[in-house]
């Protein structure tokens, strides 16, 4: 097992499962990207299939590495999928950042076992490599710089839209079907709602989490 695989599928498994799912939902709050992509039939009608493909691509990179056949194929799929996406360099940097900043946020606020400094550095290096392999430039070097990039971008681009609200609901409905056993999906969804950053929750117009679940996880809305 590689170091990054141990990070994602070892003792921090819950951090990266919930954090990555919340990252996908968080991106539905970026108004111009959501409205530009909303007309794509697959984005709306095949939400679960697209989420499954995204999960498998990331899993191939994490489990096999960039230099393996599976890793090279995964990177090529990422390049192919994004080749005609109407997004600019700042959009790509934001999406990249959110895939690791959201798990880090969740870990710091809710996890029983927090990431150590060397684990955070490993995570940052992995996603910087993803960015470079995608041809991105001007990537921040430090975690505070990435966090500032996310704050600045969301300050400019995060806004409530009907399209974003609908896609967030669909993503919340479908994302748990990827790995969560049927009998626990309701509780998992409620946990996601309860631990979502409040301003993101508001922008996406999502319902409040179950009160008792919110209390159990220490949601800000339960205090």
Protein backbone atom coordinates (compact mmCIF):
# COMPACT_ATOMS: atom_id res chain seq x y z
CA UNK A 1 0.00 0.00 0.00
CA UNK A 2 1.41 3.40 -1.02
CA UNK A 3 1.61 6.28 1.46
CA UNK A 4 -1.20 8.19 -0.22
CA UNK A 5 -3.32 5.03 -0.40
CA UNK A 6 -2.81 4.46 3.32
CA UNK A 7 -3.88 8.06 3.92
CA UNK A 8 -7.12 7.73 1.95
CA UNK A 9 -8.06 4.17 2.90
CA UNK A 10 -6.40 3.71 6.29
CA UNK A 11 -7.12 5.37 9.62
CA UNK A 12 -8.41 8.55 7.95
CA UNK A 13 -10.83 6.72 5.67
CA UNK A 14 -13.91 8.54 7.02
CA UNK A 15 -12.26 11.93 6.64
CA UNK A 16 -11.58 11.36 2.97
CA UNK A 17 -14.88 9.68 2.18
CA UNK A 18 -17.03 12.42 3.71
CA UNK A 19 -14.62 15.22 2.81
CA UNK A 20 -14.41 14.25 -0.86
CA UNK A 21 -18.18 13.87 -1.13
CA UNK A 22 -18.66 17.28 0.49
CA UNK A 23 -16.10 18.74 -1.93
CA UNK A 24 -18.18 17.57 -4.88
CA UNK A 25 -21.30 19.17 -3.40
CA UNK A 26 -19.47 22.38 -2.47
CA UNK A 27 -18.59 22.95 -6.12
CA UNK A 28 -22.29 23.19 -6.96
CA UNK A 29 -22.19 26.62 -5.33
CA UNK A 30 -19.99 28.09 -8.07
CA UNK A 31 -22.65 29.88 -10.06
CA UNK A 32 -21.00 30.40 -13.44
CA UNK A 33 -19.68 26.84 -13.66
CA UNK A 34 -22.97 25.26 -12.70
CA UNK A 35 -25.05 27.32 -15.11
CA UNK A 36 -22.57 26.71 -17.95
CA UNK A 37 -22.60 22.96 -17.40
CA UNK A 38 -26.26 22.53 -16.50
CA UNK A 39 -27.38 22.10 -20.08
CA UNK A 40 -25.19 19.01 -20.46
CA UNK A 41 -27.70 16.17 -20.25
CA UNK A 42 -25.32 13.76 -18.54
CA UNK A 43 -24.62 16.22 -15.74
CA UNK A 44 -28.29 16.21 -14.80
CA UNK A 45 -29.59 12.79 -15.81
CA UNK A 46 -26.52 10.66 -15.08
CA UNK A 47 -25.30 12.17 -11.83
CA UNK A 48 -24.49 8.88 -10.14
CA UNK A 49 -22.62 7.50 -13.17
CA UNK A 50 -20.48 10.64 -13.40
CA UNK A 51 -19.73 10.54 -9.68
CA UNK A 52 -18.76 6.89 -9.98
CA UNK A 53 -16.36 7.64 -12.84
CA UNK A 54 -14.79 10.48 -10.86
CA UNK A 55 -14.36 8.22 -7.83
CA UNK A 56 -12.78 5.44 -9.90
CA UNK A 57 -10.36 7.81 -11.61
CA UNK A 58 -9.16 9.18 -8.27
CA UNK A 59 -8.95 5.69 -6.84
CA UNK A 60 -6.72 4.57 -9.72
CA UNK A 61 -4.33 7.47 -9.08
CA UNK A 62 -4.31 6.93 -5.32
CA UNK A 63 -3.90 3.15 -5.39
CA UNK A 64 -1.61 2.72 -8.40
CA UNK A 65 0.32 5.98 -8.63
CA UNK A 66 0.93 8.40 -11.48
CA UNK A 67 3.59 6.29 -13.18
CA UNK A 68 1.59 3.07 -13.40
CA UNK A 69 -0.44 2.07 -16.45
CA UNK A 70 -3.64 2.60 -14.47
CA UNK A 71 -2.42 5.98 -13.23
CA UNK A 72 -1.44 7.18 -16.70
CA UNK A 73 -4.82 6.05 -18.05
CA UNK A 74 -6.58 7.88 -15.21
CA UNK A 75 -4.73 11.11 -15.95
CA UNK A 76 -5.57 10.80 -19.64
CA UNK A 77 -9.25 10.38 -18.76
CA UNK A 78 -9.08 13.55 -16.67
CA UNK A 79 -7.49 15.47 -19.55
CA UNK A 80 -10.02 14.13 -22.04
CA UNK A 81 -13.04 14.90 -19.85
CA UNK A 82 -11.92 18.47 -19.19
CA UNK A 83 -10.67 19.31 -22.68
CA UNK A 84 -13.89 21.04 -23.76
CA UNK A 85 -15.10 22.25 -20.37
CA UNK A 86 -15.84 26.01 -20.44
CA UNK A 87 -13.54 26.88 -17.54
CA UNK A 88 -10.44 29.01 -17.11
CA UNK A 89 -7.23 28.48 -15.13
CA UNK A 90 -8.66 29.94 -11.91
CA UNK A 91 -11.62 27.57 -12.12
CA UNK A 92 -9.34 24.56 -12.45
CA UNK A 93 -7.16 25.67 -9.55
CA UNK A 94 -10.25 26.10 -7.37
CA UNK A 95 -11.64 22.67 -8.19
CA UNK A 96 -8.26 21.09 -7.54
CA UNK A 97 -7.95 22.90 -4.20
CA UNK A 98 -11.41 21.89 -3.04
CA UNK A 99 -10.65 18.18 -3.42
CA UNK A 100 -8.09 18.39 -0.62
CA UNK A 101 -9.17 21.47 1.35
CA UNK A 102 -12.62 20.09 2.12
CA UNK A 103 -11.29 16.84 3.65
CA UNK A 104 -8.79 18.93 5.64
CA UNK A 105 -11.57 21.22 6.89
CA UNK A 106 -13.72 18.25 7.88
CA UNK A 107 -10.83 16.50 9.60
CA UNK A 108 -9.91 19.53 11.67
CA UNK A 109 -13.51 20.19 12.72
CA UNK A 110 -15.00 16.73 13.16
CA UNK A 111 -12.55 13.82 13.00
CA UNK A 112 -11.56 11.81 16.05
CA UNK A 113 -8.06 11.37 14.61
CA UNK A 114 -6.60 14.51 13.07
CA UNK A 115 -4.03 14.48 10.29
CA UNK A 116 -0.41 14.97 11.27
CA UNK A 117 1.80 17.55 9.57
CA UNK A 118 3.58 15.04 7.36
CA UNK A 119 0.24 13.59 6.23
CA UNK A 120 -1.02 17.03 5.26
CA UNK A 121 2.20 17.62 3.31
CA UNK A 122 1.76 14.28 1.53
CA UNK A 123 -1.80 15.21 0.57
CA UNK A 124 -0.73 18.60 -0.72
CA UNK A 125 2.09 17.09 -2.80
CA UNK A 126 -0.28 14.53 -4.34
CA UNK A 127 -2.77 17.15 -5.51
CA UNK A 128 -0.04 19.50 -6.72
CA UNK A 129 1.15 16.59 -8.90
CA UNK A 130 -2.40 16.15 -10.22
CA UNK A 131 -2.44 19.84 -11.14
CA UNK A 132 0.91 19.69 -12.91
CA UNK A 133 -0.10 16.56 -14.81
CA UNK A 134 -3.23 18.43 -15.93
CA UNK A 135 -1.04 21.23 -17.26
CA UNK A 136 -1.99 23.79 -14.59
CA UNK A 137 0.38 26.65 -13.81
CA UNK A 138 0.77 29.14 -10.95
CA UNK A 139 -0.10 26.55 -8.32
CA UNK A 140 0.32 27.77 -4.72
CA UNK A 141 3.11 26.10 -2.75
CA UNK A 142 1.74 26.23 0.79
CA UNK A 143 -1.52 25.26 2.47
CA UNK A 144 -2.30 28.83 3.63
CA UNK A 145 -1.88 30.02 0.04
CA UNK A 146 -4.32 27.37 -1.19
CA UNK A 147 -6.80 28.32 1.53
CA UNK A 148 -6.56 31.99 0.55
CA UNK A 149 -7.06 31.04 -3.10
CA UNK A 150 -10.26 29.22 -2.15
CA UNK A 151 -11.55 32.12 -0.04
CA UNK A 152 -10.86 34.67 -2.76
CA UNK A 153 -12.40 32.56 -5.50
CA UNK A 154 -15.55 31.76 -3.53
CA UNK A 155 -15.87 35.41 -2.57
CA UNK A 156 -16.07 36.22 -6.29
CA UNK A 157 -17.94 33.21 -7.63
CA UNK A 158 -20.04 31.45 -5.00
CA UNK A 159 -23.72 32.33 -5.32
CA UNK A 160 -27.11 30.70 -5.02
CA UNK A 161 -28.66 29.44 -8.26
CA UNK A 162 -31.64 27.14 -8.97
CA UNK A 163 -29.31 24.91 -10.99
CA UNK A 164 -26.80 24.65 -8.17
CA UNK A 165 -29.50 23.87 -5.64
CA UNK A 166 -30.92 21.07 -7.79
CA UNK A 167 -27.52 19.55 -8.53
CA UNK A 168 -26.53 19.71 -4.87
CA UNK A 169 -29.67 17.78 -3.92
CA UNK A 170 -29.02 15.22 -6.65
CA UNK A 171 -25.39 14.85 -5.62
CA UNK A 172 -26.34 14.45 -1.96
CA UNK A 173 -28.85 11.79 -2.99
CA UNK A 174 -26.51 9.87 -5.29
CA UNK A 175 -23.03 10.19 -3.83
CA UNK A 176 -23.75 7.93 -0.87
CA UNK A 177 -24.70 5.14 -3.26
CA UNK A 178 -21.06 4.82 -4.31
CA UNK A 179 -19.72 3.19 -1.15
CA UNK A 180 -22.22 3.51 1.71
CA UNK A 181 -24.29 0.42 2.60
CA UNK A 182 -28.01 0.83 1.93
CA UNK A 183 -29.11 0.67 5.57
CA UNK A 184 -26.80 3.50 6.66
CA UNK A 185 -27.31 5.97 3.80
CA UNK A 186 -29.88 8.15 5.56
CA UNK A 187 -27.58 8.63 8.57
CA UNK A 188 -24.59 9.30 6.31
CA UNK A 189 -26.51 11.97 4.37
CA UNK A 190 -27.58 13.58 7.63
CA UNK A 191 -23.97 13.57 8.80
CA UNK A 192 -22.93 15.32 5.61
CA UNK A 193 -25.62 17.96 6.04
CA UNK A 194 -24.65 18.47 9.68
CA UNK A 195 -20.93 18.89 8.97
CA UNK A 196 -21.18 20.97 5.80
CA UNK A 197 -19.76 24.48 6.19
CA UNK A 198 -22.78 26.66 7.13
CA UNK A 199 -22.31 29.27 4.40
CA UNK A 200 -22.06 26.54 1.75
CA UNK A 201 -25.17 24.88 3.17
CA UNK A 202 -27.03 28.18 2.88
CA UNK A 203 -25.88 28.94 -0.68
CA UNK A 204 -27.00 25.50 -1.82
CA UNK A 205 -30.42 25.88 -0.18
CA UNK A 206 -30.23 22.45 1.45
CA UNK A 207 -32.53 21.34 4.25
CA UNK A 208 -31.27 21.28 7.82
CA UNK A 209 -29.80 18.07 9.18
CA UNK A 210 -31.78 15.94 11.58
CA UNK A 211 -31.55 17.64 14.98
CA UNK A 212 -30.18 14.62 16.84
CA UNK A 213 -27.59 13.88 14.20
CA UNK A 214 -26.51 17.52 14.31
CA UNK A 215 -26.11 17.35 18.08
CA UNK A 216 -24.18 14.09 17.83
CA UNK A 217 -21.61 15.49 15.39
CA UNK A 218 -21.44 18.93 16.97
CA UNK A 219 -22.88 20.84 14.03
CA UNK A 220 -22.65 24.65 14.38
CA UNK A 221 -26.39 24.81 13.68
CA UNK A 222 -27.09 22.64 16.73
CA UNK A 223 -25.49 25.03 19.17
